[in-house]
Amino acid sequence: MFEFLFGITNAIAEATGTDAAAVTEAAAATGEELAEMNPVAALLTSFLPLILMGVVFYFFLIRPQRKKDKKVKEMLAALKPGDRVTTIGGIYGTIMSIKDETITLAIGSQRTEMVVTRWAIRQVEEVTVENDGEILA
């Protein structure tokens, strides 16, 4: 019915040089018949869900994790003596010195020294060195 309203069948028939009945039969073909007619379309329809899943995984899992890793790497590269940090074990301390991949922390009021690796630092606290004598809550 709609083919006659819009003249699509006749336009396709004129463009390909076939009769309108053959074009109508081709347009009414089911998905299986269409797949038999065009193997590229069959491959595309079978791989399209896999491609879409890959795109979804990239935008919802891989990309945010890369951003997070980049922030952590930048934070670890910007460490300097005097920074108040928290280790992955929950220990609060002040960086005394940094040598390659090891960091010496001063911990507690007695300034006990502790050596940890750089990757063991979870975050840099917003407390400055001037406030180091205050008790942290």
Protein backbone atom coordinates (compact mmCIF):
# COMPACT_ATOMS: atom_id res chain seq x y z
CA MET A 1 0.00 0.00 0.00
CA PHE A 2 2.75 2.44 0.96
CA GLU A 3 4.83 1.48 -2.04
CA PHE A 4 2.14 2.87 -4.32
CA LEU A 5 1.71 6.06 -2.29
CA PHE A 6 5.35 6.99 -2.44
CA GLY A 7 6.21 5.42 -5.74
CA ILE A 8 9.27 3.73 -4.24
CA THR A 9 8.73 0.50 -6.09
CA ASN A 10 8.50 2.22 -9.46
CA ALA A 11 11.52 4.41 -8.77
CA ILE A 12 13.65 1.40 -7.83
CA ALA A 13 12.43 -0.53 -10.82
CA GLU A 14 13.30 2.31 -13.17
CA ALA A 15 16.73 2.75 -11.63
CA THR A 16 17.66 -0.93 -11.86
CA GLY A 17 15.87 -1.65 -15.10
CA THR A 18 13.70 -4.44 -13.66
CA ASP A 19 9.98 -4.69 -13.37
CA ALA A 20 8.07 -3.43 -10.31
CA ALA A 21 6.88 -6.93 -9.32
CA ALA A 22 10.47 -8.20 -8.84
CA VAL A 23 11.38 -5.20 -6.71
CA THR A 24 8.25 -5.69 -4.58
CA GLU A 25 9.16 -9.35 -4.01
CA ALA A 26 12.71 -8.37 -3.01
CA ALA A 27 11.40 -5.72 -0.60
CA ALA A 28 9.05 -8.24 1.02
CA ALA A 29 11.80 -10.85 1.57
CA THR A 30 12.34 -12.02 5.11
CA GLY A 31 15.61 -11.64 7.01
CA GLU A 32 16.80 -15.12 6.04
CA GLU A 33 16.14 -14.52 2.41
CA LEU A 34 17.91 -11.18 2.66
CA ALA A 35 20.90 -12.90 4.25
CA GLU A 36 21.02 -15.40 1.40
CA MET A 37 20.91 -12.54 -1.07
CA ASN A 38 23.71 -10.50 0.57
CA PRO A 39 26.38 -12.28 2.65
CA VAL A 40 27.87 -8.97 3.80
CA ALA A 41 24.55 -8.06 5.42
CA ALA A 42 24.47 -11.44 7.14
CA LEU A 43 27.95 -10.91 8.59
CA LEU A 44 27.09 -7.38 9.67
CA THR A 45 23.93 -8.47 11.46
CA SER A 46 25.75 -11.28 13.26
CA PHE A 47 28.72 -9.16 14.39
CA LEU A 48 26.81 -5.96 15.16
CA PRO A 49 25.81 -7.05 18.71
CA LEU A 50 29.43 -7.98 19.48
CA ILE A 51 30.65 -4.62 18.20
CA LEU A 52 28.04 -2.78 20.27
CA MET A 53 29.04 -4.74 23.38
CA GLY A 54 32.65 -3.78 22.81
CA VAL A 55 31.72 -0.11 22.53
CA VAL A 56 29.64 -0.30 25.72
CA PHE A 57 32.47 -2.02 27.62
CA TYR A 58 34.92 0.62 26.43
CA PHE A 59 32.81 3.60 27.51
CA PHE A 60 31.53 2.15 30.80
CA LEU A 61 34.50 0.10 32.04
CA ILE A 62 37.79 0.64 30.23
CA ARG A 63 37.75 4.42 29.70
CA PRO A 64 36.84 5.37 33.32
CA GLN A 65 39.48 2.99 34.67
CA ARG A 66 42.13 4.54 32.43
CA LYS A 67 41.16 8.02 33.68
CA LYS A 68 41.41 6.85 37.29
CA ASP A 69 44.81 5.22 36.66
CA LYS A 70 46.04 8.42 35.01
CA LYS A 71 45.01 10.50 38.04
CA VAL A 72 46.77 8.09 40.43
CA LYS A 73 49.92 8.13 38.29
CA GLU A 74 49.92 11.95 38.25
CA MET A 75 49.41 12.06 42.04
CA LEU A 76 52.30 9.65 42.64
CA ALA A 77 54.57 11.62 40.30
CA ALA A 78 53.75 14.90 42.11
CA LEU A 79 54.72 13.65 45.59
CA LYS A 80 57.26 15.82 47.37
CA PRO A 81 58.81 15.99 50.85
CA GLY A 82 56.49 17.63 53.34
CA ASP A 83 53.28 16.19 51.89
CA ARG A 84 50.88 14.52 54.34
CA VAL A 85 49.84 11.17 52.86
CA THR A 86 47.79 8.10 53.65
CA THR A 87 49.11 4.65 52.75
CA ILE A 88 46.98 1.79 51.48
CA GLY A 89 47.30 0.29 54.96
CA GLY A 90 45.68 3.36 56.53
CA ILE A 91 48.84 4.86 58.02
CA TYR A 92 49.02 8.67 58.07
CA GLY A 93 52.45 10.24 57.72
CA THR A 94 54.54 13.07 56.35
CA ILE A 95 56.99 12.44 53.52
CA MET A 96 60.55 13.05 54.67
CA SER A 97 62.44 11.90 51.56
CA ILE A 98 61.86 10.24 48.21
CA LYS A 99 64.38 7.98 46.48
CA ASP A 100 63.27 6.38 43.21
CA GLU A 101 60.46 4.03 44.26
CA THR A 102 60.86 4.25 48.05
CA ILE A 103 59.44 6.93 50.31
CA THR A 104 60.44 7.63 53.90
CA LEU A 105 57.52 8.70 56.08
CA ALA A 106 57.56 10.36 59.50
CA ILE A 107 54.74 8.88 61.57
CA GLY A 108 53.19 10.05 64.85
CA SER A 109 54.24 12.68 67.33
CA GLN A 110 57.62 11.01 67.86
CA ARG A 111 58.35 11.26 64.10
CA THR A 112 59.05 7.54 63.73
CA GLU A 113 60.50 6.81 60.30
CA MET A 114 58.94 4.21 58.04
CA VAL A 115 59.97 3.25 54.50
CA VAL A 116 57.24 2.36 51.98
CA THR A 117 57.12 1.96 48.22
CA ARG A 118 55.68 4.72 46.08
CA TRP A 119 52.70 2.65 44.94
CA ALA A 120 51.67 2.15 48.60
CA ILE A 121 50.51 5.79 48.82
CA ARG A 122 46.73 6.02 48.53
CA GLN A 123 46.20 9.77 48.68
CA VAL A 124 47.71 13.10 49.60
CA GLU A 125 45.95 14.78 52.52
CA GLU A 126 44.95 18.43 52.35
CA VAL A 127 46.68 19.20 55.68
CA THR A 128 49.73 21.45 55.34
CA VAL A 129 53.06 21.08 57.15
CA GLU A 130 52.25 24.07 59.40
CA ASN A 131 49.29 22.11 60.81
CA ASP A 132 51.40 19.00 61.37
CA GLY A 133 51.44 19.45 65.15
CA GLU A 134 47.63 19.40 65.35
CA ILE A 135 45.80 16.23 66.19
CA LEU A 136 43.96 14.92 63.14
CA ALA A 137 40.42 13.72 63.71
